[in-house]
Amino acid sequence: MGRIDFCIVISVDGANPNGDPLNGNRPRQSYDGFGEISDVCIKRKIRNRLQDMGESIFMQAEDKVDDGCKSLAERAKKNKDMQNALKNGNEEKYTREACKSWLDVRAFGQVFPFKGVSVSTHIRGCVSIGTAKSLDVLNIEDIGISRSQNLLASSGKESSTFGNSKYVVNHAAYVAYGSIFPQLANKNGFSSEDAEKIFEALTTLFENDSSAARPTGTMNVQKVYWWTQSEKGKQHPPIKVFKTLTFKPRKEYPFFSVEETPLPDLKPLVYEI
């Protein structure tokens, strides 16, 4: 498998794509006002989609636990092959079994520094994803929320009003870039079939992801560009591949335009909504 580069374009209209807990959960912004969706957030959504697709995932969200394990340490201890490797002090086998067991480990990497474990190993992931950045300065709307709720069961008349705020981004497009590196893929046992699953997860990133912050239809994957380079042919550097796309913000849906100048010997697979 040669190196794979990819680009994902996300439209946002009336949603909080990635709240910042250190800033009142306002949508993340750079110092100059452009929006950001962190790489951690994107990887979380990919993991959720892979799990929905039936894949084994190590870093499971609390509300999506499917193996009864209450912690990462418990999940690792439940793997008999990993525990046998641990008893023998075989870090290489421990790493190999972890990659074999969970797709997100061989894709994104993982650290296993659990208390009482003599083997503390770090697995480098072969899938690299950068922060998604908006094409224009964000237009953030602050929506006031209030509700009245009976607090005491003994009286139907007593009630209290709660006030809160909800932040949404209107009319924005975000772009993120990533790569899959074959050297690390081979080391982790990450296959071409695994890469295809990552592609599918990217194209369906917001399925089963609706919430009060992200109502259905307010966030959509508009395009995914997927460049697969020949294993033995000329390898174009990622920056050269990414520069074949020039994005500009627009006020009309889907809030971006793109100019494509493809390389003669490298045509992308393109998913479009």
Protein backbone atom coordinates (compact mmCIF):
# COMPACT_ATOMS: atom_id res chain seq x y z
CA MET A 1 0.00 0.00 0.00
CA GLY A 2 1.34 3.40 -0.98
CA ARG A 3 0.74 6.57 0.99
CA ILE A 4 -2.83 7.83 1.10
CA ASP A 5 -3.67 11.50 1.47
CA PHE A 6 -7.17 12.82 2.06
CA CYS A 7 -9.17 16.00 2.52
CA ILE A 8 -12.60 16.36 4.09
CA VAL A 9 -14.94 19.36 3.69
CA ILE A 10 -17.66 19.90 6.30
CA SER A 11 -20.56 22.36 6.12
CA VAL A 12 -22.06 23.78 9.32
CA ASP A 13 -25.32 25.72 9.54
CA GLY A 14 -26.93 26.11 12.94
CA ALA A 15 -24.71 23.84 15.02
CA ASN A 16 -21.84 23.90 17.49
CA PRO A 17 -19.29 21.70 15.71
CA ASN A 18 -16.82 21.49 18.59
CA GLY A 19 -17.40 23.35 21.85
CA ASP A 20 -14.49 24.61 23.94
CA PRO A 21 -15.02 23.59 27.62
CA LEU A 22 -12.52 26.24 28.71
CA ASN A 23 -14.59 28.98 27.05
CA GLY A 24 -18.16 28.28 28.12
CA ASN A 25 -18.51 25.63 25.40
CA ARG A 26 -18.41 28.27 22.66
CA PRO A 27 -17.39 26.90 19.26
CA ARG A 28 -13.63 26.65 19.06
CA GLN A 29 -11.85 29.54 17.37
CA SER A 30 -8.29 30.49 16.57
CA TYR A 31 -6.91 33.79 17.85
CA ASP A 32 -7.98 35.48 14.58
CA GLY A 33 -11.59 34.29 14.73
CA PHE A 34 -11.51 31.30 12.37
CA GLY A 35 -13.32 28.18 13.51
CA GLU A 36 -11.63 24.94 14.49
CA ILE A 37 -12.68 21.32 14.96
CA SER A 38 -9.91 19.54 16.83
CA ASP A 39 -8.26 16.41 15.50
CA VAL A 40 -9.33 14.66 18.72
CA CYS A 41 -12.97 15.50 17.98
CA ILE A 42 -12.70 14.19 14.42
CA LYS A 43 -11.03 10.96 15.58
CA ARG A 44 -13.77 10.45 18.17
CA LYS A 45 -16.40 10.64 15.45
CA ILE A 46 -14.42 8.25 13.23
CA ARG A 47 -14.17 5.78 16.09
CA ASN A 48 -17.92 6.02 16.68
CA ARG A 49 -18.65 5.40 13.00
CA LEU A 50 -16.25 2.43 12.85
CA GLN A 51 -17.93 0.96 15.90
CA ASP A 52 -21.34 1.44 14.25
CA MET A 53 -19.90 -0.45 11.27
CA GLY A 54 -19.13 -3.42 13.53
CA GLU A 55 -15.42 -2.81 14.11
CA SER A 56 -13.68 -3.47 17.43
CA ILE A 57 -12.68 -0.16 19.04
CA PHE A 58 -10.41 0.30 22.06
CA MET A 59 -11.20 3.97 22.87
CA GLN A 60 -14.97 3.57 23.20
CA ALA A 61 -17.21 6.46 24.25
CA GLU A 62 -18.98 5.92 27.57
CA ASP A 63 -22.39 5.77 25.91
CA LYS A 64 -21.20 3.29 23.26
CA VAL A 65 -19.46 0.63 25.38
CA ASP A 66 -20.25 -2.74 23.78
CA ASP A 67 -18.04 -5.14 25.76
CA GLY A 68 -18.99 -4.37 29.36
CA CYS A 69 -15.57 -2.89 30.20
CA LYS A 70 -15.65 0.18 32.44
CA SER A 71 -12.14 1.38 31.65
CA LEU A 72 -9.34 1.10 29.11
CA ALA A 73 -7.26 -0.87 31.61
CA GLU A 74 -10.08 -3.39 32.04
CA ARG A 75 -10.42 -3.70 28.27
CA ALA A 76 -6.69 -4.39 27.88
CA LYS A 77 -6.68 -6.91 30.75
CA LYS A 78 -9.57 -8.75 29.13
CA ASN A 79 -7.39 -9.52 26.11
CA LYS A 80 -5.79 -12.89 26.94
CA ASP A 81 -3.15 -12.73 24.20
CA MET A 82 -1.96 -9.34 25.43
CA GLN A 83 -1.86 -10.56 29.01
CA ASN A 84 0.19 -13.62 28.05
CA ALA A 85 2.66 -11.34 26.27
CA LEU A 86 2.74 -9.15 29.36
CA LYS A 87 3.60 -12.06 31.63
CA ASN A 88 6.50 -12.99 29.36
CA GLY A 89 7.69 -9.39 29.11
CA ASN A 90 7.27 -9.52 25.33
CA GLU A 91 6.51 -5.90 24.42
CA GLU A 92 6.62 -6.61 20.68
CA LYS A 93 3.92 -9.27 20.94
CA TYR A 94 1.91 -7.08 23.32
CA THR A 95 1.93 -4.32 20.70
CA ARG A 96 1.16 -6.72 17.87
CA GLU A 97 -1.84 -8.21 19.68
CA ALA A 98 -3.19 -4.75 20.54
CA CYS A 99 -3.03 -3.70 16.89
CA LYS A 100 -4.61 -6.97 15.82
CA SER A 101 -7.50 -6.57 18.28
CA TRP A 102 -8.59 -2.97 17.69
CA LEU A 103 -8.80 -0.99 14.47
CA ASP A 104 -8.41 2.40 16.16
CA VAL A 105 -5.17 1.27 17.82
CA ARG A 106 -3.50 0.31 14.56
CA ALA A 107 -4.95 3.42 12.89
CA PHE A 108 -4.43 6.19 15.48
CA GLY A 109 -1.98 4.59 17.90
CA GLN A 110 -2.27 4.15 21.65
CA VAL A 111 -0.29 4.38 24.89
CA PHE A 112 -0.65 1.57 27.46
CA PRO A 113 0.69 3.04 30.75
CA PHE A 114 -1.69 1.30 33.16
CA LYS A 115 -0.91 1.10 36.86
CA GLY A 116 0.74 -2.14 37.90
CA VAL A 117 1.70 -3.05 34.32
CA SER A 118 5.42 -3.60 33.79
CA VAL A 119 5.12 -3.13 30.02
CA SER A 120 4.35 0.49 29.12
CA THR A 121 4.29 0.74 25.37
CA HIS A 122 3.54 3.43 22.84
CA ILE A 123 2.06 2.52 19.46
CA ARG A 124 2.40 5.14 16.71
CA GLY A 125 -0.66 5.39 14.53
CA CYS A 126 -0.40 5.42 10.75
CA VAL A 127 -3.43 7.69 10.24
CA SER A 128 -2.68 11.37 10.79
CA ILE A 129 -5.48 13.98 10.80
CA GLY A 130 -5.08 17.70 11.32
CA THR A 131 -7.45 20.21 12.88
CA ALA A 132 -10.35 21.22 10.62
CA LYS A 133 -10.34 24.98 10.04
CA SER A 134 -13.11 27.21 8.75
CA LEU A 135 -12.62 29.07 5.48
CA ASP A 136 -13.88 32.33 6.98
CA VAL A 137 -14.21 34.06 10.35
CA LEU A 138 -17.08 32.49 12.28
CA ASN A 139 -20.52 33.99 12.68
CA ILE A 140 -21.49 32.69 16.13
CA GLU A 141 -25.04 33.18 17.37
CA ASP A 142 -25.68 33.23 21.11
CA ILE A 143 -29.16 31.81 21.74
CA GLY A 144 -30.68 32.31 25.18
CA ILE A 145 -32.50 29.29 26.60
CA SER A 146 -34.98 29.24 29.48
CA ARG A 147 -37.23 26.55 30.83
CA SER A 148 -39.70 26.19 33.66
CA GLN A 149 -39.65 22.99 35.68
CA ASN A 150 -41.57 21.82 38.76
CA LEU A 151 -39.01 21.03 41.45
CA LEU A 152 -41.30 19.63 44.14
CA ALA A 153 -43.50 16.61 43.52
CA SER A 154 -45.82 17.69 46.36
CA SER A 155 -47.00 20.79 44.50
CA GLY A 156 -47.94 21.30 40.92
CA LYS A 157 -47.69 25.06 41.25
CA GLU A 158 -44.13 25.59 42.44
CA SER A 159 -41.65 25.95 39.62
CA SER A 160 -38.29 27.50 38.88
CA THR A 161 -36.97 29.02 35.68
CA PHE A 162 -33.51 28.08 34.48
CA GLY A 163 -31.53 30.26 32.08
CA ASN A 164 -28.71 29.15 29.82
CA SER A 165 -27.06 29.89 26.50
CA LYS A 166 -26.57 27.87 23.36
CA TYR A 167 -24.00 28.80 20.73
CA VAL A 168 -24.35 27.93 17.06
CA VAL A 169 -22.26 28.55 13.95
CA ASN A 170 -24.12 29.72 10.87
CA HIS A 171 -23.00 29.44 7.23
CA ALA A 172 -19.51 27.95 7.59
CA ALA A 173 -17.35 25.38 5.83
CA TYR A 174 -14.45 23.60 7.52
CA VAL A 175 -11.58 21.79 5.79
CA ALA A 176 -9.28 19.15 7.28
CA TYR A 177 -6.37 17.22 5.78
CA GLY A 178 -4.82 13.90 6.66
CA SER A 179 -2.55 11.09 5.51
CA ILE A 180 -2.03 7.37 5.98
CA PHE A 181 1.66 6.42 6.06
CA PRO A 182 2.58 2.98 4.69
CA GLN A 183 5.66 2.39 6.87
CA LEU A 184 3.61 2.63 10.06
CA ALA A 185 0.67 0.86 8.41
CA ASN A 186 2.85 -2.17 7.65
CA LYS A 187 4.25 -2.15 11.18
CA ASN A 188 0.77 -2.03 12.75
CA GLY A 189 -0.87 -4.48 10.37
CA PHE A 190 -3.11 -1.74 8.97
CA SER A 191 -4.43 -3.00 5.62
CA SER A 192 -5.96 -1.55 2.47
CA GLU A 193 -9.29 -2.87 3.74
CA ASP A 194 -8.80 -0.85 6.93
CA ALA A 195 -8.12 2.24 4.81
CA GLU A 196 -11.40 1.69 2.96
CA LYS A 197 -13.20 1.60 6.30
CA ILE A 198 -11.62 4.92 7.29
CA PHE A 199 -12.83 6.38 3.99
CA GLU A 200 -16.37 5.14 4.62
CA ALA A 201 -16.28 6.54 8.15
CA LEU A 202 -15.23 9.95 6.82
CA THR A 203 -18.06 10.05 4.28
CA THR A 204 -20.64 9.21 6.98
CA LEU A 205 -19.01 11.14 9.82
CA PHE A 206 -22.20 12.66 11.24
CA GLU A 207 -24.51 9.68 11.04
CA ASN A 208 -25.90 8.85 14.51
CA ASP A 209 -24.19 12.00 15.82
CA SER A 210 -27.17 14.32 16.23
CA SER A 211 -27.61 16.17 19.53
CA ALA A 212 -28.98 19.43 20.90
CA ALA A 213 -25.69 21.05 19.86
CA ARG A 214 -25.75 19.40 16.42
CA PRO A 215 -29.37 18.99 15.24
CA THR A 216 -29.94 16.60 12.36
CA GLY A 217 -28.89 18.07 9.03
CA THR A 218 -26.90 21.00 10.45
CA MET A 219 -23.52 19.34 9.89
CA ASN A 220 -22.70 17.49 6.68
CA VAL A 221 -19.68 16.03 4.94
CA GLN A 222 -19.82 17.78 1.59
CA LYS A 223 -16.73 16.25 -0.02
CA VAL A 224 -13.96 13.78 0.65
CA TYR A 225 -10.89 13.71 -1.61
CA TRP A 226 -8.87 10.49 -1.41
CA TRP A 227 -5.50 10.19 -3.14
CA THR A 228 -3.87 6.74 -3.24
CA GLN A 229 -0.28 6.81 -4.44
CA SER A 230 1.48 3.92 -6.14
CA GLU A 231 3.59 1.86 -3.78
CA LYS A 232 6.49 1.75 -6.25
CA GLY A 233 5.90 4.92 -8.27
CA LYS A 234 6.81 8.54 -7.64
CA GLN A 235 5.67 9.76 -4.25
CA HIS A 236 4.34 13.31 -4.21
CA PRO A 237 4.73 15.03 -0.82
CA PRO A 238 1.45 15.68 1.04
CA ILE A 239 1.70 19.47 0.74
CA LYS A 240 1.95 19.20 -3.05
CA VAL A 241 -1.12 16.97 -3.12
CA PHE A 242 -3.15 19.27 -0.85
CA LYS A 243 -2.25 22.35 -2.89
CA THR A 244 -4.13 20.90 -5.87
CA LEU A 245 -7.26 22.19 -4.07
CA THR A 246 -8.01 25.87 -3.53
CA PHE A 247 -11.00 26.58 -1.29
CA LYS A 248 -12.88 29.85 -0.96
CA PRO A 249 -15.77 30.72 1.39
CA ARG A 250 -19.26 31.41 0.04
CA LYS A 251 -22.42 32.73 1.69
CA GLU A 252 -24.61 30.22 -0.14
CA TYR A 253 -24.91 26.56 0.82
CA PRO A 254 -22.65 24.56 0.97
CA PHE A 255 -20.64 27.69 1.94
CA PHE A 256 -17.53 26.99 -0.14
CA SER A 257 -16.23 26.78 -3.68
CA VAL A 258 -13.22 24.79 -4.78
CA GLU A 259 -10.81 25.02 -7.68
CA GLU A 260 -9.15 21.73 -8.56
CA THR A 261 -5.80 21.48 -10.39
CA PRO A 262 -5.05 17.75 -10.21
CA LEU A 263 -1.62 16.28 -10.74
CA PRO A 264 -1.35 14.48 -14.10
CA ASP A 265 -0.34 11.18 -12.52
CA LEU A 266 -2.46 11.31 -9.37
CA LYS A 267 -6.25 11.52 -9.59
CA PRO A 268 -8.28 11.47 -6.38
CA LEU A 269 -11.32 9.39 -5.59
CA VAL A 270 -13.97 11.99 -4.77
CA TYR A 271 -17.02 11.51 -2.58
CA GLU A 272 -19.61 14.27 -2.89
CA ILE A 273 -22.90 14.63 -1.06
